[in-house]
Amino acid sequence: MMNKERLQNILLILIKIFFIGLLLQFFLQTFIGFKIWRNWPIRSIIWMWKEIIILIFVGGIGYRTRKHHFWKQLLNNLSIKWFVVFIVWFGLLAILNGLAITQTWVWATVMSLRYSITGFVIFLVFSVLSREFLDQKYALERWYSKVIKRLLRWSLFWWAIVFFVPRLLEFAWYNQYNYEWDMNIAPPAAYYSQYNQGYVRNQFLFERPISRWFFLVAFWPMFFVLCIKRRGWKAFVFGWGLYGLAVLSTFSRAAWIAWITQTVILLLIEYRKDLKKALIYGGIPIIVIFWWVTYLGRDQIINRQFSNTWHIKNLQIALEKIKDHPWFGEWPGTAWPASHHLWEGKEYNPENQFLQIWIEYGIFWFIAWMVLYVRFLWLWWKSLRMSFQEKETKQQRYLGYVLFSLSLGIFGLGICWLVLHSFVDRMIVYPFMAMFWLVYGQYKKILIHKN
């Protein structure tokens, strides 16, 4: 029988492969898809590697819980029984709604649910792994924050390449002459603020600049807590500046709004006793820089006719769809991204994550989905309050603050959801929710031991 230490080492290797692999996913997909195995059908199976790892985790958890009969105890210890019930009912009722009311075949509903609730489902696997199989001594959140720090430097180097010599990326089979939204061809080496002209946007290893800033917004609070907070003025200035430059270089208005909102909240909480100094040396310079860039580049950043028209048009269509089918939705898979896989010629992107749920399933499912989302925000208040209580141990306060930072990350993504769909991007939702629930599992373990 495998001993505990060996099991933990194997899990750690698989978890790190999972996180690093997702960072390289699109880069490797481009190289393999357009250089090595372009027409090889098995590549679709290869790109399911992350789901295979998750299935390995599910199998191991299922075997252990069945052998030791502690499934109910585990759900109670993690305080997620109601969450599991909610997710199951959401999925089953969506399928029944599709069959009985909107006349949708089961596979279309399953495909739609894959994109709509995967972010909520993935929590169960990693929270159980963390609670039952791992120890806090491994500190995966600290390891990943160091990975992000290195990637920040490399992303600026990548931006310089695509700005000055985009042709260098042809070695990895990007194409400097292709543009965003061109389908079934090698991705562009450079993305621009005005579709095919304007400022060069930094997407780094991600599929598009929006995927890059989804990632940056999601992990900014955690990065701040682990790499900037109470680490001296150099970490404050250079760490903050490096991250801010990475966000700035995406030239995304939604990213800027979400990131600055998160930053203001962090300043108010962390430097509440010395807020004036924090604003002078941190907050005000950042706001001035972003305002200055926005003012100088207003024609390329604010007056983006293609993007503005696209958002407004699709939002109007979304509201019309909801008006026509408010109670039970149009049918699962009618909105991005499932519609692009299921209904050729009928693809539709509402440009709003929240409205997407309402369009596909109806108001009852929209409310249920919002309850799940608000639950993550509730962790913000609960964990933050514990992190400030002196009677708690240092480790309890630490995990409480990290959990708060991840909750603030999903709040930032929620701002992005008003205009885009970050919760369907696997390069973001998989690692972010995995990290969220790895920390949550350790957080609950400490609370159980405390009591």
Protein backbone atom coordinates (compact mmCIF):
# COMPACT_ATOMS: atom_id res chain seq x y z
CA MET A 1 0.00 0.00 0.00
CA MET A 2 1.32 3.46 -0.90
CA ASN A 3 2.48 5.49 2.09
CA LYS A 4 1.19 8.99 2.73
CA GLU A 5 4.38 10.83 1.80
CA ARG A 6 4.73 9.09 -1.55
CA LEU A 7 1.06 9.72 -2.33
CA GLN A 8 1.49 13.41 -1.52
CA ASN A 9 4.55 13.66 -3.78
CA ILE A 10 2.65 12.10 -6.70
CA LEU A 11 -0.28 14.45 -6.15
CA LEU A 12 2.02 17.46 -6.00
CA ILE A 13 3.65 16.50 -9.30
CA LEU A 14 0.25 16.10 -10.99
CA ILE A 15 -1.06 19.35 -9.53
CA LYS A 16 2.00 21.29 -10.70
CA ILE A 17 1.74 19.72 -14.17
CA PHE A 18 -1.90 20.80 -14.17
CA PHE A 19 -1.06 24.43 -13.34
CA ILE A 20 1.99 24.79 -15.59
CA GLY A 21 0.35 22.91 -18.45
CA LEU A 22 -2.60 25.28 -18.45
CA LEU A 23 -0.25 28.25 -18.73
CA LEU A 24 1.34 26.67 -21.82
CA GLN A 25 -1.89 25.25 -23.26
CA PHE A 26 -2.50 27.66 -26.13
CA PHE A 27 1.18 28.09 -26.99
CA LEU A 28 1.67 24.32 -27.32
CA GLN A 29 -1.67 23.91 -29.08
CA THR A 30 -0.56 26.42 -31.70
CA PHE A 31 2.78 24.72 -32.25
CA ILE A 32 1.37 21.20 -32.42
CA GLY A 33 -1.81 22.10 -34.28
CA PHE A 34 -0.14 24.13 -37.03
CA LYS A 35 3.27 22.50 -37.27
CA ILE A 36 3.39 18.87 -36.17
CA TRP A 37 -0.02 17.18 -36.11
CA ARG A 38 -2.27 19.62 -37.90
CA ASN A 39 -4.51 16.97 -39.43
CA TRP A 40 -4.06 14.26 -36.83
CA PRO A 41 -7.47 13.48 -35.20
CA ILE A 42 -5.88 12.20 -32.01
CA ARG A 43 -4.77 15.74 -31.12
CA SER A 44 -8.31 16.32 -29.78
CA ILE A 45 -7.71 13.57 -27.27
CA ILE A 46 -4.27 14.93 -26.40
CA TRP A 47 -5.80 18.30 -25.49
CA MET A 48 -8.00 16.58 -22.94
CA TRP A 49 -4.92 16.01 -20.77
CA LYS A 50 -6.21 18.36 -18.05
CA GLU A 51 -9.57 16.59 -17.89
CA ILE A 52 -7.68 13.27 -17.66
CA ILE A 53 -5.74 14.56 -14.65
CA ILE A 54 -8.99 15.67 -13.03
CA LEU A 55 -10.48 12.20 -13.68
CA ILE A 56 -7.43 10.63 -12.01
CA PHE A 57 -8.08 12.83 -8.99
CA VAL A 58 -11.78 11.93 -9.02
CA GLY A 59 -10.97 8.22 -9.22
CA GLY A 60 -8.53 8.42 -6.32
CA ILE A 61 -10.96 10.39 -4.18
CA GLY A 62 -13.82 8.02 -5.02
CA TYR A 63 -11.76 4.96 -4.12
CA ARG A 64 -10.59 6.42 -0.83
CA THR A 65 -14.00 7.67 0.29
CA ARG A 66 -15.68 4.41 -0.62
CA LYS A 67 -13.04 2.34 1.16
CA HIS A 68 -13.12 4.37 4.36
CA HIS A 69 -16.81 5.40 4.23
CA PHE A 70 -16.32 9.02 5.17
CA TRP A 71 -18.02 10.84 2.28
CA LYS A 72 -20.74 12.46 4.41
CA GLN A 73 -18.21 13.45 7.06
CA LEU A 74 -15.99 14.96 4.37
CA LEU A 75 -18.83 17.07 2.95
CA ASN A 76 -19.69 18.29 6.43
CA ASN A 77 -16.07 19.11 7.27
CA LEU A 78 -15.76 21.17 4.10
CA SER A 79 -19.22 22.75 4.58
CA ILE A 80 -20.07 22.10 0.94
CA LYS A 81 -22.98 19.65 1.15
CA TRP A 82 -25.51 22.28 0.10
CA PHE A 83 -23.15 23.42 -2.66
CA VAL A 84 -22.98 19.92 -4.13
CA VAL A 85 -26.75 19.53 -3.95
CA PHE A 86 -27.20 22.89 -5.64
CA ILE A 87 -24.86 21.99 -8.50
CA VAL A 88 -26.50 18.58 -9.07
CA TRP A 89 -29.99 20.04 -9.11
CA PHE A 90 -28.88 22.84 -11.42
CA GLY A 91 -27.61 20.31 -13.95
CA LEU A 92 -30.50 17.83 -13.69
CA LEU A 93 -33.20 20.48 -13.87
CA ALA A 94 -31.44 22.09 -16.84
CA ILE A 95 -31.57 18.74 -18.68
CA LEU A 96 -35.24 18.21 -17.76
CA ASN A 97 -36.04 21.76 -18.81
CA GLY A 98 -34.29 21.14 -22.13
CA LEU A 99 -36.18 17.90 -22.77
CA ALA A 100 -39.64 18.91 -21.57
CA ILE A 101 -39.95 22.62 -22.32
CA THR A 102 -37.36 23.95 -24.77
CA GLN A 103 -37.11 20.64 -26.69
CA THR A 104 -33.31 20.47 -26.54
CA TRP A 105 -31.46 17.20 -26.96
CA VAL A 106 -29.41 16.05 -23.96
CA TRP A 107 -25.98 16.38 -25.58
CA ALA A 108 -26.56 20.07 -26.31
CA THR A 109 -27.52 20.68 -22.67
CA VAL A 110 -24.49 18.76 -21.42
CA MET A 111 -22.22 20.75 -23.74
CA SER A 112 -23.77 23.97 -22.48
CA LEU A 113 -23.43 22.96 -18.81
CA ARG A 114 -19.79 22.12 -19.42
CA TYR A 115 -19.11 25.79 -20.01
CA SER A 116 -21.63 27.22 -17.58
CA ILE A 117 -20.85 25.40 -14.33
CA THR A 118 -17.41 23.78 -14.73
CA GLY A 119 -15.94 26.58 -12.65
CA PHE A 120 -18.23 25.65 -9.79
CA VAL A 121 -17.81 21.89 -10.20
CA ILE A 122 -14.02 21.86 -10.15
CA PHE A 123 -14.02 23.12 -6.55
CA LEU A 124 -15.10 19.75 -5.18
CA VAL A 125 -12.09 17.85 -6.50
CA PHE A 126 -9.41 20.25 -5.33
CA SER A 127 -10.98 21.10 -1.98
CA VAL A 128 -11.14 17.37 -1.16
CA LEU A 129 -7.56 16.85 -2.36
CA SER A 130 -6.37 19.68 -0.17
CA ARG A 131 -8.42 18.72 2.88
CA GLU A 132 -7.63 15.02 2.89
CA PHE A 133 -4.34 14.46 1.07
CA LEU A 134 -2.14 17.56 1.36
CA ASP A 135 -0.53 19.60 4.11
CA GLN A 136 -0.03 23.35 4.30
CA LYS A 137 3.75 22.86 4.38
CA TYR A 138 3.64 22.50 0.59
CA ALA A 139 2.18 26.04 0.24
CA LEU A 140 1.13 25.67 -3.40
CA GLU A 141 -0.23 29.22 -3.41
CA ARG A 142 3.28 30.57 -2.66
CA TRP A 143 4.80 28.38 -5.36
CA TYR A 144 2.28 29.63 -7.92
CA SER A 145 2.76 33.29 -6.97
CA LYS A 146 6.48 32.87 -7.73
CA VAL A 147 5.56 31.38 -11.10
CA ILE A 148 3.37 34.41 -11.81
CA LYS A 149 6.21 36.76 -10.83
CA ARG A 150 8.55 35.16 -13.37
CA LEU A 151 5.85 35.20 -16.04
CA LEU A 152 5.30 38.93 -15.54
CA ARG A 153 8.87 39.63 -16.64
CA TRP A 154 8.64 37.25 -19.59
CA SER A 155 5.32 38.75 -20.68
CA LEU A 156 6.94 42.16 -21.10
CA PHE A 157 9.71 40.56 -23.14
CA TRP A 158 7.02 38.89 -25.30
CA TRP A 159 5.27 42.25 -25.73
CA ALA A 160 8.53 43.82 -26.91
CA ILE A 161 8.92 41.05 -29.50
CA VAL A 162 5.42 41.44 -30.94
CA PHE A 163 5.82 45.23 -30.88
CA PHE A 164 9.15 45.41 -32.71
CA VAL A 165 9.67 42.09 -34.54
CA PRO A 166 6.46 39.99 -34.58
CA ARG A 167 7.99 37.75 -37.22
CA LEU A 168 10.14 36.14 -34.51
CA LEU A 169 7.04 34.29 -33.28
CA GLU A 170 6.85 32.38 -36.52
CA PHE A 171 9.20 29.86 -34.94
CA ALA A 172 6.21 28.75 -32.82
CA TRP A 173 3.86 28.98 -35.82
CA TYR A 174 2.13 32.25 -35.04
CA ASN A 175 1.51 34.39 -38.13
CA GLN A 176 2.18 38.12 -38.25
CA TYR A 177 -0.29 38.64 -41.12
CA ASN A 178 -3.33 37.00 -39.53
CA TYR A 179 -5.87 38.94 -37.51
CA GLU A 180 -8.05 38.30 -34.48
CA TRP A 181 -11.23 36.23 -35.11
CA ASP A 182 -9.85 34.57 -38.25
CA MET A 183 -10.85 30.94 -37.73
CA ASN A 184 -8.99 27.67 -38.40
CA ILE A 185 -5.69 29.33 -39.21
CA ALA A 186 -2.57 30.04 -37.19
CA PRO A 187 -3.20 32.73 -34.56
CA PRO A 188 -1.85 36.23 -35.12
CA ALA A 189 1.53 37.16 -33.71
CA ALA A 190 0.19 40.58 -32.74
CA TYR A 191 -3.23 41.74 -31.56
CA TYR A 192 -4.24 45.38 -31.95
CA SER A 193 -6.50 47.76 -30.06
CA GLN A 194 -8.53 48.41 -33.25
CA TYR A 195 -8.81 44.89 -34.67
CA ASN A 196 -6.06 45.22 -37.30
CA GLN A 197 -4.46 48.54 -36.37
CA GLY A 198 -3.64 50.70 -33.36
CA TYR A 199 -1.67 49.74 -30.26
CA VAL A 200 -0.10 46.29 -29.97
CA ARG A 201 -1.79 44.40 -27.14
CA ASN A 202 -0.01 41.89 -24.89
CA GLN A 203 -1.61 38.46 -24.84
CA PHE A 204 1.60 36.62 -23.82
CA LEU A 205 1.01 32.83 -23.93
CA PHE A 206 -2.76 33.13 -23.88
CA GLU A 207 -5.19 32.84 -26.75
CA ARG A 208 -6.06 36.54 -26.88
CA PRO A 209 -5.39 39.69 -24.83
CA ILE A 210 -8.72 39.23 -23.06
CA SER A 211 -7.61 35.80 -21.80
CA ARG A 212 -4.40 37.35 -20.55
CA TRP A 213 -6.18 40.03 -18.56
CA PHE A 214 -8.75 37.55 -17.22
CA PHE A 215 -5.79 35.74 -15.67
CA LEU A 216 -4.19 38.93 -14.36
CA VAL A 217 -7.41 40.14 -12.74
CA ALA A 218 -8.14 36.75 -11.18
CA PHE A 219 -4.75 36.38 -9.51
CA TRP A 220 -3.85 40.00 -8.73
CA PRO A 221 -5.20 40.01 -5.12
CA MET A 222 -3.38 36.76 -4.30
CA PHE A 223 -0.18 38.09 -5.86
CA PHE A 224 -0.51 41.28 -3.83
CA VAL A 225 -0.99 39.35 -0.57
CA LEU A 226 1.92 36.95 -1.15
CA CYS A 227 4.45 39.06 -3.05
CA ILE A 228 3.82 42.72 -2.12
CA LYS A 229 2.07 42.97 1.25
CA ARG A 230 4.50 43.90 4.03
CA ARG A 231 7.56 43.15 1.92
CA GLY A 232 9.10 46.61 1.86
CA TRP A 233 8.90 49.57 -0.48
CA LYS A 234 10.83 47.87 -3.30
CA ALA A 235 8.31 45.03 -3.51
CA PHE A 236 5.53 47.61 -3.23
CA VAL A 237 6.82 49.83 -6.03
CA PHE A 238 8.36 47.30 -8.42
CA GLY A 239 5.92 44.43 -7.82
CA TRP A 240 2.95 46.73 -8.16
CA GLY A 241 4.47 48.49 -11.13
CA LEU A 242 5.34 45.27 -12.95
CA TYR A 243 1.85 43.87 -12.50
CA GLY A 244 0.25 47.18 -13.40
CA LEU A 245 2.30 47.37 -16.60
CA ALA A 246 1.18 43.86 -17.52
CA VAL A 247 -2.47 44.89 -17.09
CA LEU A 248 -1.89 48.18 -18.90
CA SER A 249 -0.29 46.48 -21.90
CA THR A 250 -3.47 44.47 -22.62
CA PHE A 251 -5.19 47.78 -23.48
CA SER A 252 -8.46 46.42 -22.14
CA ARG A 253 -10.87 48.88 -20.56
CA ALA A 254 -12.68 46.20 -18.55
CA ALA A 255 -9.36 44.86 -17.24
CA TRP A 256 -8.31 48.32 -16.12
CA ILE A 257 -11.60 48.96 -14.32
CA ALA A 258 -11.58 45.57 -12.58
CA TRP A 259 -7.90 45.78 -11.61
CA ILE A 260 -8.14 49.35 -10.27
CA THR A 261 -11.29 48.43 -8.29
CA GLN A 262 -9.49 45.47 -6.72
CA THR A 263 -6.48 47.69 -5.98
CA VAL A 264 -8.60 50.32 -4.21
CA ILE A 265 -10.19 47.62 -2.05
CA LEU A 266 -6.77 46.18 -1.16
CA LEU A 267 -5.47 49.64 -0.25
CA LEU A 268 -8.46 50.37 1.96
CA ILE A 269 -8.09 47.07 3.80
CA GLU A 270 -4.33 46.61 4.04
CA TYR A 271 -3.23 50.22 4.51
CA ARG A 272 -6.26 51.60 6.33
CA LYS A 273 -4.01 52.85 9.16
CA ASP A 274 -1.61 54.57 6.76
CA LEU A 275 -3.88 55.15 3.80
CA LYS A 276 -2.48 58.56 2.93
CA LYS A 277 1.03 57.23 2.30
CA ALA A 278 -0.29 54.24 0.36
CA LEU A 279 -2.32 56.51 -1.89
CA ILE A 280 0.58 58.92 -2.46
CA TYR A 281 3.13 56.23 -3.34
CA GLY A 282 0.86 53.62 -4.86
CA GLY A 283 -2.73 54.49 -5.68
CA ILE A 284 -2.43 58.00 -7.14
CA PRO A 285 0.59 57.24 -9.41
CA ILE A 286 -1.22 54.24 -10.88
CA ILE A 287 -4.42 56.17 -11.48
CA VAL A 288 -2.45 59.05 -13.05
CA ILE A 289 -0.54 56.68 -15.36
CA PHE A 290 -3.69 54.89 -16.50
CA TRP A 291 -5.53 58.20 -16.99
CA TRP A 292 -2.60 59.65 -18.93
CA VAL A 293 -2.36 56.64 -21.24
CA THR A 294 -6.14 56.66 -21.71
CA TYR A 295 -6.16 60.36 -22.52
CA LEU A 296 -3.31 60.17 -25.01
CA GLY A 297 -4.67 57.03 -26.64
CA ARG A 298 -8.38 57.77 -26.33
CA ASP A 299 -8.96 57.24 -30.05
CA GLN A 300 -7.38 53.78 -29.86
CA ILE A 301 -8.59 52.75 -26.39
CA ILE A 302 -11.93 54.45 -25.66
CA ASN A 303 -13.24 55.17 -29.15
CA ARG A 304 -12.87 51.60 -30.38
CA GLN A 305 -15.72 51.61 -32.87
CA PHE A 306 -15.51 47.92 -33.77
CA SER A 307 -15.52 46.77 -30.13
CA ASN A 308 -18.09 49.29 -28.92
CA THR A 309 -20.54 48.50 -31.69
CA TRP A 310 -20.10 44.77 -31.16
CA HIS A 311 -20.79 45.00 -27.40
CA ILE A 312 -23.87 47.22 -27.76
CA LYS A 313 -25.36 45.20 -30.61
CA ASN A 314 -25.05 41.86 -28.84
CA LEU A 315 -26.29 43.24 -25.53
CA GLN A 316 -29.45 44.50 -27.27
CA ILE A 317 -29.97 41.07 -28.82
CA ALA A 318 -29.49 39.45 -25.39
CA LEU A 319 -32.16 41.61 -23.80
CA GLU A 320 -34.56 40.77 -26.64
CA LYS A 321 -33.93 37.06 -26.20
CA ILE A 322 -34.59 37.32 -22.45
CA LYS A 323 -37.76 39.31 -23.10
CA ASP A 324 -39.03 36.59 -25.48
CA HIS A 325 -38.12 33.66 -23.18
CA PRO A 326 -37.82 34.98 -19.59
CA TRP A 327 -38.89 31.92 -17.57
CA PHE A 328 -37.27 28.85 -19.10
CA GLY A 329 -34.77 30.37 -21.49
CA GLU A 330 -34.40 30.01 -25.23
CA TRP A 331 -32.63 26.66 -24.97
CA PRO A 332 -29.25 25.38 -23.64
CA GLY A 333 -26.42 26.06 -26.02
CA THR A 334 -27.91 29.12 -27.73
CA ALA A 335 -25.23 31.46 -26.37
CA TRP A 336 -21.46 31.54 -26.35
CA PRO A 337 -19.44 29.31 -26.48
CA ALA A 338 -21.62 26.21 -26.84
CA SER A 339 -23.49 27.82 -29.75
CA HIS A 340 -20.23 27.96 -31.72
CA HIS A 341 -19.82 24.20 -31.35
CA LEU A 342 -23.45 23.17 -31.84
CA TRP A 343 -25.24 25.48 -34.23
CA GLU A 344 -23.30 26.44 -37.33
CA GLY A 345 -24.62 29.70 -38.70
CA LYS A 346 -26.47 30.49 -35.46
CA GLU A 347 -23.49 31.36 -33.26
CA TYR A 348 -24.20 34.10 -30.78
CA ASN A 349 -22.16 35.84 -28.09
CA PRO A 350 -24.15 38.05 -25.68
CA GLU A 351 -20.93 39.64 -24.37
CA ASN A 352 -22.20 39.16 -20.81
CA GLN A 353 -21.60 36.10 -18.64
CA PHE A 354 -24.63 36.74 -16.42
CA LEU A 355 -27.10 37.23 -19.27
CA GLN A 356 -25.71 34.15 -21.01
CA ILE A 357 -27.09 31.98 -18.20
CA TRP A 358 -30.51 33.63 -18.35
CA ILE A 359 -30.69 33.30 -22.14
CA GLU A 360 -29.87 29.59 -22.09
CA TYR A 361 -31.80 28.36 -19.03
CA GLY A 362 -34.24 31.01 -17.80
CA ILE A 363 -34.71 33.09 -14.69
CA PHE A 364 -34.75 30.26 -12.12
CA TRP A 365 -31.37 28.96 -13.24
CA PHE A 366 -30.04 32.49 -13.42
CA ILE A 367 -30.98 33.03 -9.76
CA ALA A 368 -29.42 29.68 -8.79
CA TRP A 369 -26.20 30.52 -10.63
CA MET A 370 -26.08 33.91 -8.91
CA VAL A 371 -26.49 32.24 -5.52
CA LEU A 372 -23.44 30.08 -6.26
CA TYR A 373 -21.46 33.14 -7.32
CA VAL A 374 -22.50 35.20 -4.27
CA ARG A 375 -21.40 32.32 -2.05
CA PHE A 376 -17.84 32.93 -3.22
CA LEU A 377 -18.17 36.60 -2.32
CA TRP A 378 -19.50 35.65 1.11
CA LEU A 379 -16.19 33.88 1.73
CA TRP A 380 -14.60 37.31 1.27
CA TRP A 381 -16.26 38.71 4.38
CA LYS A 382 -16.01 35.53 6.44
CA SER A 383 -12.33 34.80 5.78
CA LEU A 384 -11.26 38.45 5.99
CA ARG A 385 -12.88 38.82 9.40
CA MET A 386 -10.99 35.80 10.71
CA SER A 387 -7.68 37.11 9.33
CA PHE A 388 -7.98 40.22 11.55
CA GLN A 389 -8.79 38.40 14.79
CA GLU A 390 -5.80 38.37 17.13
CA LYS A 391 -7.08 35.30 18.97
CA GLU A 392 -6.53 33.20 15.83
CA THR A 393 -3.19 31.56 15.15
CA LYS A 394 -0.77 33.03 12.62
CA GLN A 395 -1.54 30.21 10.18
CA GLN A 396 -5.29 30.75 10.52
CA ARG A 397 -4.97 34.46 9.85
CA TYR A 398 -2.67 33.79 6.90
CA LEU A 399 -5.01 31.31 5.19
CA GLY A 400 -7.98 33.55 5.91
CA TYR A 401 -6.30 36.45 4.15
CA VAL A 402 -5.24 34.35 1.15
CA LEU A 403 -8.78 33.00 0.84
CA PHE A 404 -10.08 36.56 0.98
CA SER A 405 -7.70 37.51 -1.84
CA LEU A 406 -9.04 34.72 -4.05
CA SER A 407 -12.60 35.76 -3.29
CA LEU A 408 -11.63 39.29 -4.35
CA GLY A 409 -10.22 37.71 -7.52
CA ILE A 410 -13.58 36.24 -8.45
CA PHE A 411 -15.20 39.59 -7.66
CA GLY A 412 -12.88 41.15 -10.24
CA LEU A 413 -13.87 38.48 -12.74
CA GLY A 414 -17.49 39.32 -11.95
CA ILE A 415 -16.84 42.87 -13.14
CA CYS A 416 -15.40 41.41 -16.34
CA TRP A 417 -18.49 39.23 -16.77
CA LEU A 418 -20.56 42.34 -17.43
CA VAL A 419 -18.92 42.61 -20.84
CA LEU A 420 -17.23 39.24 -21.50
CA HIS A 421 -17.09 35.55 -20.52
CA SER A 422 -14.05 34.72 -18.40
CA PHE A 423 -15.75 31.76 -16.70
CA VAL A 424 -15.70 29.69 -19.90
CA ASP A 425 -11.97 30.14 -20.57
CA ARG A 426 -10.30 26.97 -19.31
CA MET A 427 -6.85 28.59 -19.08
CA ILE A 428 -8.35 30.88 -16.43
CA VAL A 429 -11.21 29.06 -14.73
CA TYR A 430 -9.34 25.76 -14.23
CA PRO A 431 -6.23 27.09 -12.47
CA PHE A 432 -8.07 29.85 -10.60
CA MET A 433 -10.80 27.61 -9.17
CA ALA A 434 -8.27 24.88 -8.44
CA MET A 435 -6.14 27.30 -6.44
CA PHE A 436 -9.20 28.76 -4.74
CA TRP A 437 -10.25 25.39 -3.44
CA LEU A 438 -6.79 24.11 -2.59
CA VAL A 439 -6.55 27.08 -0.20
CA TYR A 440 -10.14 26.55 0.96
CA GLY A 441 -9.40 22.90 1.85
CA GLN A 442 -6.45 23.95 4.03
CA TYR A 443 -8.54 26.74 5.55
CA LYS A 444 -11.29 24.30 6.57
CA LYS A 445 -8.75 21.78 7.85
CA ILE A 446 -7.30 24.35 10.24
CA LEU A 447 -10.75 25.37 11.45
CA ILE A 448 -11.64 21.72 12.13
CA HIS A 449 -8.42 21.21 14.11
CA LYS A 450 -9.10 24.43 16.01
CA ASN A 451 -12.50 23.18 17.11
